[in-house]
Amino acid sequence: MNSLTPKVFLSFTFDDWALAGRIAKALQANGIDTWWAEWCIEAGDSIRQKIDEGLGSCTHFVVLLTPASLPKPWVKAEIDAGFMAKLGKGIKFIALRAGLRPNELPPLLQGQLSPEIDPAALDLQQLINGIHGVTKKPPLGLAPAGARAAASTASTGFSTAALAVARTLVERSEHATRMGPHSSVGDIAAAFDLSMDDVRDALHELGSLVKVSPGGDLVLANDDLFVTFDRHWMPWDPEADALHLATALVNDRELPREPEALAKAFGWTARRLNPATAYLANHGHIKALKSHSTGIWLLAAMHDNDATRRFVKSRS
């Protein structure tokens, strides 16, 4: 049996045998391993020993309280044992009422929720759901998209709106080249449940990481945006990649210096290599050769120098 299967000890009086049997069978049929005397105590068994075994292994103690069972000494003794198990082992104690009002229960039981059942209808779904841990509470919905965008970036110092803009550009970029990805202010506002003013304030906050078209409607990314934010939403960190690239350039004189050949050597795409080269170039750690016809590559070529060596040395 699965260790996660709930186990119920059903306490009742013989006067309520038929009702208790219906409850036991309903619980058993709904994935709840139920201790009920009729199928757990056989001829020749020690009644006390079997009850102790049932109480000792249960996860839930359910006592059927009716006008007939309430005064019974045996039921009272089992209630005491159920409470001890609740206090000692943390089992769930459930007082199930039939034909009793809450104020007719013993004082000790009046302070806890006691579901009422109608023997005629016998709707046990609430009890079954509760034993299985199914609550009435609706499932937790998603936070607004803008808040989700900021979930992993709480320490960046940027606002939620700025992070939403950055994430849009990061995830839409195909190659992370300067001015490559673009999006409209309206698209960003709609995608992340932001107002137009929120987006404009976010663009001001991002500053030189983005560029806004003269009309103010189109948002484009500068290469430093990918250097800053790729690590939050892409499966790499441009700064770590930059150190790896710089180390290879310093140590391997045979390594090609053209980005396409470098990407092939590392097994990287242009989308991954470009932010790493941008980090090195923008921090002055390499000699960067630029061209207006580099296609999907940020640089035409790169060469290591003393600054590259010092960068590697400072991180070693």
C-alpha atoms as a PDB file:
ATOM      1  CA  MET A   1       0.000   0.000   0.000  1.00  0.00           C
ATOM      2  CA  ASN A   2       1.234   3.511  -0.809  1.00  0.00           C
ATOM      3  CA  SER A   3       2.684   5.173   2.291  1.00  0.00           C
ATOM      4  CA  LEU A   4       0.718   8.286   1.375  1.00  0.00           C
ATOM      5  CA  THR A   5      -2.619   6.475   1.557  1.00  0.00           C
ATOM      6  CA  PRO A   6      -4.654   7.959   4.423  1.00  0.00           C
ATOM      7  CA  LYS A   7      -5.695   5.491   7.111  1.00  0.00           C
ATOM      8  CA  VAL A   8      -8.847   6.059   9.135  1.00  0.00           C
ATOM      9  CA  PHE A   9      -9.784   4.498  12.454  1.00  0.00           C
ATOM     10  CA  LEU A  10     -13.590   4.605  12.630  1.00  0.00           C
ATOM     11  CA  SER A  11     -14.963   4.706  16.159  1.00  0.00           C
ATOM     12  CA  PHE A  12     -18.685   3.970  16.672  1.00  0.00           C
ATOM     13  CA  THR A  13     -21.166   2.170  18.893  1.00  0.00           C
ATOM     14  CA  PHE A  14     -22.855  -1.102  18.004  1.00  0.00           C
ATOM     15  CA  ASP A  15     -26.209   0.741  17.928  1.00  0.00           C
ATOM     16  CA  ASP A  16     -24.940   2.638  14.839  1.00  0.00           C
ATOM     17  CA  TRP A  17     -23.440  -0.447  13.143  1.00  0.00           C
ATOM     18  CA  ALA A  18     -25.366  -0.054   9.882  1.00  0.00           C
ATOM     19  CA  LEU A  19     -24.536   3.645   9.475  1.00  0.00           C
ATOM     20  CA  ALA A  20     -20.917   3.071  10.443  1.00  0.00           C
ATOM     21  CA  GLY A  21     -20.695   0.305   7.842  1.00  0.00           C
ATOM     22  CA  ARG A  22     -21.968   2.584   5.090  1.00  0.00           C
ATOM     23  CA  ILE A  23     -19.423   5.224   6.092  1.00  0.00           C
ATOM     24  CA  ALA A  24     -16.572   2.704   6.230  1.00  0.00           C
ATOM     25  CA  LYS A  25     -17.395   1.292   2.800  1.00  0.00           C
ATOM     26  CA  ALA A  26     -17.662   4.769   1.269  1.00  0.00           C
ATOM     27  CA  LEU A  27     -14.283   5.773   2.677  1.00  0.00           C
ATOM     28  CA  GLN A  28     -12.650   2.527   1.565  1.00  0.00           C
ATOM     29  CA  ALA A  29     -14.096   2.939  -1.942  1.00  0.00           C
ATOM     30  CA  ASN A  30     -12.565   6.417  -2.183  1.00  0.00           C
ATOM     31  CA  GLY A  31      -8.937   5.528  -1.509  1.00  0.00           C
ATOM     32  CA  ILE A  32      -9.016   5.728   2.299  1.00  0.00           C
ATOM     33  CA  ASP A  33      -7.788   2.617   4.123  1.00  0.00           C
ATOM     34  CA  THR A  34     -10.430   2.291   6.843  1.00  0.00           C
ATOM     35  CA  TRP A  35     -10.320   0.341  10.126  1.00  0.00           C
ATOM     36  CA  TRP A  36     -13.819  -0.980  10.816  1.00  0.00           C
ATOM     37  CA  ALA A  37     -14.488  -3.734  13.316  1.00  0.00           C
ATOM     38  CA  GLU A  38     -16.455  -5.961  10.919  1.00  0.00           C
ATOM     39  CA  TRP A  39     -13.515  -6.515   8.588  1.00  0.00           C
ATOM     40  CA  CYS A  40     -10.639  -5.880  11.004  1.00  0.00           C
ATOM     41  CA  ILE A  41     -11.602  -8.141  13.944  1.00  0.00           C
ATOM     42  CA  GLU A  42     -12.065 -11.842  13.307  1.00  0.00           C
ATOM     43  CA  ALA A  43     -13.074 -14.737  15.541  1.00  0.00           C
ATOM     44  CA  GLY A  44     -10.435 -15.435  18.155  1.00  0.00           C
ATOM     45  CA  ASP A  45      -8.772 -12.013  17.866  1.00  0.00           C
ATOM     46  CA  SER A  46      -8.073  -9.894  20.890  1.00  0.00           C
ATOM     47  CA  ILE A  47     -10.457  -6.971  20.510  1.00  0.00           C
ATOM     48  CA  ARG A  48      -8.249  -4.659  22.563  1.00  0.00           C
ATOM     49  CA  GLN A  49      -5.120  -5.638  20.616  1.00  0.00           C
ATOM     50  CA  LYS A  50      -6.816  -5.073  17.251  1.00  0.00           C
ATOM     51  CA  ILE A  51      -8.124  -1.690  18.358  1.00  0.00           C
ATOM     52  CA  ASP A  52      -4.666  -0.718  19.578  1.00  0.00           C
ATOM     53  CA  GLU A  53      -3.200  -1.738  16.203  1.00  0.00           C
ATOM     54  CA  GLY A  54      -5.796   0.312  14.357  1.00  0.00           C
ATOM     55  CA  LEU A  55      -5.226   3.357  16.520  1.00  0.00           C
ATOM     56  CA  GLY A  56      -1.475   2.946  16.287  1.00  0.00           C
ATOM     57  CA  SER A  57      -1.336   3.011  12.494  1.00  0.00           C
ATOM     58  CA  CYS A  58      -4.060   5.503  11.588  1.00  0.00           C
ATOM     59  CA  THR A  59      -3.517   8.964  10.136  1.00  0.00           C
ATOM     60  CA  HIS A  60      -7.100  10.064  10.897  1.00  0.00           C
ATOM     61  CA  PHE A  61      -9.353   9.234  13.849  1.00  0.00           C
ATOM     62  CA  VAL A  62     -13.031   9.545  12.908  1.00  0.00           C
ATOM     63  CA  VAL A  63     -15.623   9.107  15.621  1.00  0.00           C
ATOM     64  CA  LEU A  64     -19.296   8.763  14.687  1.00  0.00           C
ATOM     65  CA  LEU A  65     -21.186  10.750  17.295  1.00  0.00           C
ATOM     66  CA  THR A  66     -24.915  10.128  17.602  1.00  0.00           C
ATOM     67  CA  PRO A  67     -27.409  10.291  20.456  1.00  0.00           C
ATOM     68  CA  ALA A  68     -26.751   6.552  20.888  1.00  0.00           C
ATOM     69  CA  SER A  69     -22.935   6.677  20.885  1.00  0.00           C
ATOM     70  CA  LEU A  70     -22.352   9.797  22.949  1.00  0.00           C
ATOM     71  CA  PRO A  71     -22.929   8.197  26.382  1.00  0.00           C
ATOM     72  CA  LYS A  72     -21.143   4.896  25.617  1.00  0.00           C
ATOM     73  CA  PRO A  73     -18.072   4.298  27.832  1.00  0.00           C
ATOM     74  CA  TRP A  74     -16.286   2.391  25.057  1.00  0.00           C
ATOM     75  CA  VAL A  75     -16.686   5.268  22.594  1.00  0.00           C
ATOM     76  CA  LYS A  76     -15.496   7.705  25.267  1.00  0.00           C
ATOM     77  CA  ALA A  77     -12.412   5.556  25.824  1.00  0.00           C
ATOM     78  CA  GLU A  78     -11.652   5.519  22.107  1.00  0.00           C
ATOM     79  CA  ILE A  79     -12.134   9.307  21.943  1.00  0.00           C
ATOM     80  CA  ASP A  80      -9.570   9.630  24.744  1.00  0.00           C
ATOM     81  CA  ALA A  81      -7.175   7.389  22.814  1.00  0.00           C
ATOM     82  CA  GLY A  82      -7.823   9.402  19.643  1.00  0.00           C
ATOM     83  CA  PHE A  83      -7.000  12.644  21.429  1.00  0.00           C
ATOM     84  CA  MET A  84      -3.803  11.166  22.834  1.00  0.00           C
ATOM     85  CA  ALA A  85      -2.813  10.098  19.312  1.00  0.00           C
ATOM     86  CA  LYS A  86      -3.589  13.606  18.058  1.00  0.00           C
ATOM     87  CA  LEU A  87      -1.390  15.181  20.724  1.00  0.00           C
ATOM     88  CA  GLY A  88       1.360  12.580  20.556  1.00  0.00           C
ATOM     89  CA  LYS A  89       1.553  11.720  16.838  1.00  0.00           C
ATOM     90  CA  GLY A  90      -0.282  14.581  15.185  1.00  0.00           C
ATOM     91  CA  ILE A  91      -3.072  12.492  13.633  1.00  0.00           C
ATOM     92  CA  LYS A  92      -6.219  14.274  12.490  1.00  0.00           C
ATOM     93  CA  PHE A  93      -9.174  13.985  14.893  1.00  0.00           C
ATOM     94  CA  ILE A  94     -12.596  14.286  13.217  1.00  0.00           C
ATOM     95  CA  ALA A  95     -15.870  14.257  15.139  1.00  0.00           C
ATOM     96  CA  LEU A  96     -18.602  13.262  12.698  1.00  0.00           C
ATOM     97  CA  ARG A  97     -22.090  14.228  13.884  1.00  0.00           C
ATOM     98  CA  ALA A  98     -25.389  12.553  13.003  1.00  0.00           C
ATOM     99  CA  GLY A  99     -28.516  13.748  14.791  1.00  0.00           C
ATOM    100  CA  LEU A 100     -26.601  16.002  17.174  1.00  0.00           C
ATOM    101  CA  ARG A 101     -26.194  19.765  17.352  1.00  0.00           C
ATOM    102  CA  PRO A 102     -22.682  21.134  18.003  1.00  0.00           C
ATOM    103  CA  ASN A 103     -23.677  22.374  21.469  1.00  0.00           C
ATOM    104  CA  GLU A 104     -24.685  18.836  22.426  1.00  0.00           C
ATOM    105  CA  LEU A 105     -21.117  17.584  22.054  1.00  0.00           C
ATOM    106  CA  PRO A 106     -18.779  17.265  25.020  1.00  0.00           C
ATOM    107  CA  PRO A 107     -17.041  20.582  25.832  1.00  0.00           C
ATOM    108  CA  LEU A 108     -13.721  19.220  24.558  1.00  0.00           C
ATOM    109  CA  LEU A 109     -15.221  18.646  21.103  1.00  0.00           C
ATOM    110  CA  GLN A 110     -17.213  21.875  20.826  1.00  0.00           C
ATOM    111  CA  GLY A 111     -14.084  23.864  20.010  1.00  0.00           C
ATOM    112  CA  GLN A 112     -13.330  22.042  16.764  1.00  0.00           C
ATOM    113  CA  LEU A 113     -15.074  21.688  13.424  1.00  0.00           C
ATOM    114  CA  SER A 114     -17.434  18.709  13.508  1.00  0.00           C
ATOM    115  CA  PRO A 115     -19.015  17.888  10.121  1.00  0.00           C
ATOM    116  CA  GLU A 116     -22.654  16.826  10.177  1.00  0.00           C
ATOM    117  CA  ILE A 117     -24.001  14.003   8.020  1.00  0.00           C
ATOM    118  CA  ASP A 118     -27.534  13.094   7.082  1.00  0.00           C
ATOM    119  CA  PRO A 119     -27.945   9.290   7.409  1.00  0.00           C
ATOM    120  CA  ALA A 120     -30.636   9.345   4.717  1.00  0.00           C
ATOM    121  CA  ALA A 121     -28.548  11.110   2.054  1.00  0.00           C
ATOM    122  CA  LEU A 122     -25.098  10.242   3.440  1.00  0.00           C
ATOM    123  CA  ASP A 123     -23.095  12.741   1.400  1.00  0.00           C
ATOM    124  CA  LEU A 124     -19.524  12.126   2.554  1.00  0.00           C
ATOM    125  CA  GLN A 125     -17.705  14.038  -0.188  1.00  0.00           C
ATOM    126  CA  GLN A 126     -16.629  16.846   2.128  1.00  0.00           C
ATOM    127  CA  LEU A 127     -15.239  14.331   4.619  1.00  0.00           C
ATOM    128  CA  ILE A 128     -13.458  12.362   1.888  1.00  0.00           C
ATOM    129  CA  ASN A 129     -11.948  15.502   0.372  1.00  0.00           C
ATOM    130  CA  GLY A 130     -10.783  16.692   3.761  1.00  0.00           C
ATOM    131  CA  ILE A 131      -9.080  13.377   4.564  1.00  0.00           C
ATOM    132  CA  HIS A 132      -7.314  13.462   1.187  1.00  0.00           C
ATOM    133  CA  GLY A 133      -6.221  17.054   1.802  1.00  0.00           C
ATOM    134  CA  VAL A 134      -8.455  18.565  -0.887  1.00  0.00           C
ATOM    135  CA  THR A 135      -9.521  22.004   0.325  1.00  0.00           C
ATOM    136  CA  LYS A 136     -12.332  24.336  -0.668  1.00  0.00           C
ATOM    137  CA  LYS A 137      -9.780  27.057  -1.247  1.00  0.00           C
ATOM    138  CA  PRO A 138      -9.470  27.820  -4.968  1.00  0.00           C
ATOM    139  CA  PRO A 139      -6.058  27.190  -6.541  1.00  0.00           C
ATOM    140  CA  LEU A 140      -3.658  30.112  -6.382  1.00  0.00           C
ATOM    141  CA  GLY A 141      -3.722  32.077  -9.614  1.00  0.00           C
ATOM    142  CA  LEU A 142      -0.772  33.624 -11.380  1.00  0.00           C
ATOM    143  CA  ALA A 143       0.497  37.017 -10.346  1.00  0.00           C
ATOM    144  CA  PRO A 144       0.300  39.743 -13.008  1.00  0.00           C
ATOM    145  CA  ALA A 145       2.778  39.086 -15.783  1.00  0.00           C
ATOM    146  CA  GLY A 146       4.864  42.086 -14.821  1.00  0.00           C
ATOM    147  CA  ALA A 147       5.292  40.766 -11.288  1.00  0.00           C
ATOM    148  CA  ARG A 148       6.246  37.326 -12.633  1.00  0.00           C
ATOM    149  CA  ALA A 149       8.917  38.940 -14.765  1.00  0.00           C
ATOM    150  CA  ALA A 150      10.512  40.336 -11.622  1.00  0.00           C
ATOM    151  CA  ALA A 151      10.302  37.121  -9.590  1.00  0.00           C
ATOM    152  CA  SER A 152      13.935  36.091 -10.069  1.00  0.00           C
ATOM    153  CA  THR A 153      15.371  39.611 -10.237  1.00  0.00           C
ATOM    154  CA  ALA A 154      14.450  41.150  -6.907  1.00  0.00           C
ATOM    155  CA  SER A 155      18.069  42.190  -6.207  1.00  0.00           C
ATOM    156  CA  THR A 156      18.704  44.038  -9.482  1.00  0.00           C
ATOM    157  CA  GLY A 157      17.491  47.389  -8.205  1.00  0.00           C
ATOM    158  CA  PHE A 158      15.176  47.837 -11.183  1.00  0.00           C
ATOM    159  CA  SER A 159      11.433  48.296 -10.892  1.00  0.00           C
ATOM    160  CA  THR A 160       8.954  45.640 -11.928  1.00  0.00           C
ATOM    161  CA  ALA A 161       8.023  47.644 -15.023  1.00  0.00           C
ATOM    162  CA  ALA A 162      11.670  48.060 -16.078  1.00  0.00           C
ATOM    163  CA  LEU A 163      12.233  44.331 -15.671  1.00  0.00           C
ATOM    164  CA  ALA A 164       9.159  43.606 -17.777  1.00  0.00           C
ATOM    165  CA  VAL A 165      10.539  45.739 -20.612  1.00  0.00           C
ATOM    166  CA  ALA A 166      13.972  44.128 -20.304  1.00  0.00           C
ATOM    167  CA  ARG A 167      12.535  40.639 -20.319  1.00  0.00           C
ATOM    168  CA  THR A 168      10.498  41.352 -23.436  1.00  0.00           C
ATOM    169  CA  LEU A 169      13.608  42.440 -25.351  1.00  0.00           C
ATOM    170  CA  VAL A 170      15.794  39.636 -23.993  1.00  0.00           C
ATOM    171  CA  GLU A 171      13.353  36.887 -24.894  1.00  0.00           C
ATOM    172  CA  ARG A 172      12.453  38.289 -28.304  1.00  0.00           C
ATOM    173  CA  SER A 173      16.014  38.821 -29.485  1.00  0.00           C
ATOM    174  CA  GLU A 174      17.268  36.354 -32.069  1.00  0.00           C
ATOM    175  CA  HIS A 175      20.962  37.285 -32.069  1.00  0.00           C
ATOM    176  CA  ALA A 176      21.417  39.975 -29.364  1.00  0.00           C
ATOM    177  CA  THR A 177      22.951  42.411 -31.792  1.00  0.00           C
ATOM    178  CA  ARG A 178      22.745  46.115 -31.110  1.00  0.00           C
ATOM    179  CA  MET A 179      19.328  47.436 -32.078  1.00  0.00           C
ATOM    180  CA  GLY A 180      18.286  43.913 -33.072  1.00  0.00           C
ATOM    181  CA  PRO A 181      15.088  43.172 -31.104  1.00  0.00           C
ATOM    182  CA  HIS A 182      12.343  45.700 -30.951  1.00  0.00           C
ATOM    183  CA  SER A 183       8.864  45.976 -29.541  1.00  0.00           C
ATOM    184  CA  SER A 184       6.193  48.638 -29.359  1.00  0.00           C
ATOM    185  CA  VAL A 185       5.355  50.409 -26.134  1.00  0.00           C
ATOM    186  CA  GLY A 186       1.750  49.249 -26.513  1.00  0.00           C
ATOM    187  CA  ASP A 187       2.763  45.582 -26.932  1.00  0.00           C
ATOM    188  CA  ILE A 188       4.849  45.681 -23.768  1.00  0.00           C
ATOM    189  CA  ALA A 189       2.077  47.381 -21.801  1.00  0.00           C
ATOM    190  CA  ALA A 190      -0.463  44.774 -22.911  1.00  0.00           C
ATOM    191  CA  ALA A 191       1.824  41.789 -22.336  1.00  0.00           C
ATOM    192  CA  PHE A 192       2.657  42.701 -18.747  1.00  0.00           C
ATOM    193  CA  ASP A 193      -0.519  44.458 -17.579  1.00  0.00           C
ATOM    194  CA  LEU A 194       1.234  47.818 -17.404  1.00  0.00           C
ATOM    195  CA  SER A 195      -0.038  51.268 -18.224  1.00  0.00           C
ATOM    196  CA  MET A 196       1.581  53.295 -20.999  1.00  0.00           C
ATOM    197  CA  ASP A 197       2.990  55.628 -18.362  1.00  0.00           C
ATOM    198  CA  ASP A 198       4.502  52.620 -16.543  1.00  0.00           C
ATOM    199  CA  VAL A 199       6.321  51.586 -19.727  1.00  0.00           C
ATOM    200  CA  ARG A 200       7.588  55.099 -20.453  1.00  0.00           C
ATOM    201  CA  ASP A 201       8.891  55.413 -16.879  1.00  0.00           C
ATOM    202  CA  ALA A 202      10.532  52.008 -17.246  1.00  0.00           C
ATOM    203  CA  LEU A 203      12.299  53.079 -20.432  1.00  0.00           C
ATOM    204  CA  HIS A 204      13.599  56.179 -18.667  1.00  0.00           C
ATOM    205  CA  GLU A 205      14.841  53.956 -15.827  1.00  0.00           C
ATOM    206  CA  LEU A 206      16.657  51.591 -18.192  1.00  0.00           C
ATOM    207  CA  GLY A 207      18.449  54.558 -19.698  1.00  0.00           C
ATOM    208  CA  SER A 208      21.283  53.683 -22.086  1.00  0.00           C
ATOM    209  CA  LEU A 209      20.348  49.992 -22.084  1.00  0.00           C
ATOM    210  CA  VAL A 210      17.545  50.766 -24.527  1.00  0.00           C
ATOM    211  CA  LYS A 211      16.818  53.174 -27.332  1.00  0.00           C
ATOM    212  CA  VAL A 212      13.422  54.604 -28.148  1.00  0.00           C
ATOM    213  CA  SER A 213      12.497  55.568 -31.690  1.00  0.00           C
ATOM    214  CA  PRO A 214      12.055  59.286 -32.428  1.00  0.00           C
ATOM    215  CA  GLY A 215       8.285  58.865 -32.387  1.00  0.00           C
ATOM    216  CA  GLY A 216       8.471  57.242 -28.952  1.00  0.00           C
ATOM    217  CA  ASP A 217       6.581  54.127 -30.016  1.00  0.00           C
ATOM    218  CA  LEU A 218       9.334  51.631 -30.834  1.00  0.00           C
ATOM    219  CA  VAL A 219      11.723  50.225 -28.204  1.00  0.00           C
ATOM    220  CA  LEU A 220      15.091  48.771 -29.213  1.00  0.00           C
ATOM    221  CA  ALA A 221      17.872  47.163 -27.183  1.00  0.00           C
ATOM    222  CA  ASN A 222      21.489  48.157 -26.862  1.00  0.00           C
ATOM    223  CA  ASP A 223      23.958  45.300 -26.415  1.00  0.00           C
ATOM    224  CA  ASP A 224      24.546  46.102 -22.732  1.00  0.00           C
ATOM    225  CA  LEU A 225      20.940  45.159 -22.023  1.00  0.00           C
ATOM    226  CA  PHE A 226      21.732  41.523 -22.831  1.00  0.00           C
ATOM    227  CA  VAL A 227      24.934  41.691 -20.798  1.00  0.00           C
ATOM    228  CA  THR A 228      22.909  42.935 -17.829  1.00  0.00           C
ATOM    229  CA  PHE A 229      19.818  40.754 -18.026  1.00  0.00           C
ATOM    230  CA  ASP A 230      20.549  37.533 -19.951  1.00  0.00           C
ATOM    231  CA  ARG A 231      21.528  35.704 -16.784  1.00  0.00           C
ATOM    232  CA  HIS A 232      18.001  36.108 -15.403  1.00  0.00           C
ATOM    233  CA  TRP A 233      16.048  34.699 -18.341  1.00  0.00           C
ATOM    234  CA  MET A 234      18.494  32.817 -20.529  1.00  0.00           C
ATOM    235  CA  PRO A 235      20.376  29.585 -19.693  1.00  0.00           C
ATOM    236  CA  TRP A 236      23.748  31.379 -19.501  1.00  0.00           C
ATOM    237  CA  ASP A 237      25.496  34.261 -17.780  1.00  0.00           C
ATOM    238  CA  PRO A 238      27.281  36.683 -20.155  1.00  0.00           C
ATOM    239  CA  GLU A 239      29.862  37.645 -17.530  1.00  0.00           C
ATOM    240  CA  ALA A 240      30.797  33.998 -16.893  1.00  0.00           C
ATOM    241  CA  ASP A 241      30.861  33.368 -20.639  1.00  0.00           C
ATOM    242  CA  ALA A 242      33.086  36.423 -21.095  1.00  0.00           C
ATOM    243  CA  LEU A 243      35.624  35.067 -18.621  1.00  0.00           C
ATOM    244  CA  HIS A 244      35.570  31.684 -20.354  1.00  0.00           C
ATOM    245  CA  LEU A 245      36.088  33.350 -23.732  1.00  0.00           C
ATOM    246  CA  ALA A 246      38.859  35.639 -22.482  1.00  0.00           C
ATOM    247  CA  THR A 247      40.695  32.746 -20.841  1.00  0.00           C
ATOM    248  CA  ALA A 248      40.558  30.763 -24.064  1.00  0.00           C
ATOM    249  CA  LEU A 249      41.858  33.723 -26.076  1.00  0.00           C
ATOM    250  CA  VAL A 250      44.806  34.186 -23.700  1.00  0.00           C
ATOM    251  CA  ASN A 251      45.707  30.510 -23.414  1.00  0.00           C
ATOM    252  CA  ASP A 252      45.161  29.243 -26.946  1.00  0.00           C
ATOM    253  CA  ARG A 253      47.046  31.080 -29.664  1.00  0.00           C
ATOM    254  CA  GLU A 254      45.508  28.755 -32.274  1.00  0.00           C
ATOM    255  CA  LEU A 255      41.959  29.698 -31.347  1.00  0.00           C
ATOM    256  CA  PRO A 256      40.242  31.659 -34.128  1.00  0.00           C
ATOM    257  CA  ARG A 257      39.489  35.312 -33.485  1.00  0.00           C
ATOM    258  CA  GLU A 258      36.453  35.591 -35.756  1.00  0.00           C
ATOM    259  CA  PRO A 259      33.111  35.248 -33.926  1.00  0.00           C
ATOM    260  CA  GLU A 260      31.572  32.657 -36.243  1.00  0.00           C
ATOM    261  CA  ALA A 261      34.568  30.332 -35.830  1.00  0.00           C
ATOM    262  CA  LEU A 262      34.689  30.997 -32.083  1.00  0.00           C
ATOM    263  CA  ALA A 263      31.015  30.156 -31.698  1.00  0.00           C
ATOM    264  CA  LYS A 264      31.563  26.911 -33.548  1.00  0.00           C
ATOM    265  CA  ALA A 265      34.544  26.053 -31.336  1.00  0.00           C
ATOM    266  CA  PHE A 266      32.497  26.626 -28.168  1.00  0.00           C
ATOM    267  CA  GLY A 267      29.253  25.175 -29.494  1.00  0.00           C
ATOM    268  CA  TRP A 268      27.504  28.506 -28.888  1.00  0.00           C
ATOM    269  CA  THR A 269      24.951  30.360 -30.975  1.00  0.00           C
ATOM    270  CA  ALA A 270      25.325  34.004 -31.955  1.00  0.00           C
ATOM    271  CA  ARG A 271      22.652  34.747 -29.339  1.00  0.00           C
ATOM    272  CA  ARG A 272      25.005  33.491 -26.637  1.00  0.00           C
ATOM    273  CA  LEU A 273      28.368  34.638 -27.998  1.00  0.00           C
ATOM    274  CA  ASN A 274      27.350  38.238 -28.715  1.00  0.00           C
ATOM    275  CA  PRO A 275      26.585  39.225 -25.075  1.00  0.00           C
ATOM    276  CA  ALA A 276      29.897  37.689 -23.967  1.00  0.00           C
ATOM    277  CA  THR A 277      31.856  39.663 -26.588  1.00  0.00           C
ATOM    278  CA  ALA A 278      29.842  42.780 -25.721  1.00  0.00           C
ATOM    279  CA  TYR A 279      30.888  42.402 -22.084  1.00  0.00           C
ATOM    280  CA  LEU A 280      34.564  42.157 -23.039  1.00  0.00           C
ATOM    281  CA  ALA A 281      34.433  44.952 -25.609  1.00  0.00           C
ATOM    282  CA  ASN A 282      32.400  47.379 -23.495  1.00  0.00           C
ATOM    283  CA  HIS A 283      34.706  46.873 -20.506  1.00  0.00           C
ATOM    284  CA  GLY A 284      37.853  47.295 -22.598  1.00  0.00           C
ATOM    285  CA  HIS A 285      39.036  43.728 -22.003  1.00  0.00           C
ATOM    286  CA  ILE A 286      39.691  42.967 -25.694  1.00  0.00           C
ATOM    287  CA  LYS A 287      40.609  44.753 -28.877  1.00  0.00           C
ATOM    288  CA  ALA A 288      37.349  44.741 -30.779  1.00  0.00           C
ATOM    289  CA  LEU A 289      37.173  45.029 -34.550  1.00  0.00           C
ATOM    290  CA  LYS A 290      33.805  46.271 -35.725  1.00  0.00           C
ATOM    291  CA  SER A 291      32.260  46.346 -39.157  1.00  0.00           C
ATOM    292  CA  HIS A 292      28.972  47.495 -40.641  1.00  0.00           C
ATOM    293  CA  SER A 293      28.568  44.142 -42.396  1.00  0.00           C
ATOM    294  CA  THR A 294      28.967  41.598 -39.593  1.00  0.00           C
ATOM    295  CA  GLY A 295      25.487  40.158 -40.077  1.00  0.00           C
ATOM    296  CA  ILE A 296      24.355  38.271 -36.995  1.00  0.00           C
ATOM    297  CA  TRP A 297      27.660  38.866 -35.168  1.00  0.00           C
ATOM    298  CA  LEU A 298      28.326  41.843 -32.924  1.00  0.00           C
ATOM    299  CA  LEU A 299      32.008  42.075 -33.931  1.00  0.00           C
ATOM    300  CA  ALA A 300      34.006  41.286 -37.034  1.00  0.00           C
ATOM    301  CA  ALA A 301      36.911  39.961 -34.937  1.00  0.00           C
ATOM    302  CA  MET A 302      38.463  40.238 -31.484  1.00  0.00           C
ATOM    303  CA  HIS A 303      42.011  40.012 -30.202  1.00  0.00           C
ATOM    304  CA  ASP A 304      43.380  39.580 -26.716  1.00  0.00           C
ATOM    305  CA  ASN A 305      45.824  42.050 -25.240  1.00  0.00           C
ATOM    306  CA  ASP A 306      47.268  42.972 -21.864  1.00  0.00           C
ATOM    307  CA  ALA A 307      43.829  44.061 -20.673  1.00  0.00           C
ATOM    308  CA  THR A 308      42.483  40.583 -21.500  1.00  0.00           C
ATOM    309  CA  ARG A 309      45.263  38.951 -19.527  1.00  0.00           C
ATOM    310  CA  ARG A 310      44.713  41.241 -16.532  1.00  0.00           C
ATOM    311  CA  PHE A 311      40.966  40.543 -16.622  1.00  0.00           C
ATOM    312  CA  VAL A 312      41.590  36.779 -16.552  1.00  0.00           C
ATOM    313  CA  LYS A 313      44.210  37.156 -13.825  1.00  0.00           C
ATOM    314  CA  SER A 314      41.870  39.240 -11.665  1.00  0.00           C
ATOM    315  CA  ARG A 315      39.230  36.504 -11.779  1.00  0.00           C
ATOM    316  CA  SER A 316      41.578  33.592 -11.114  1.00  0.00           C
END
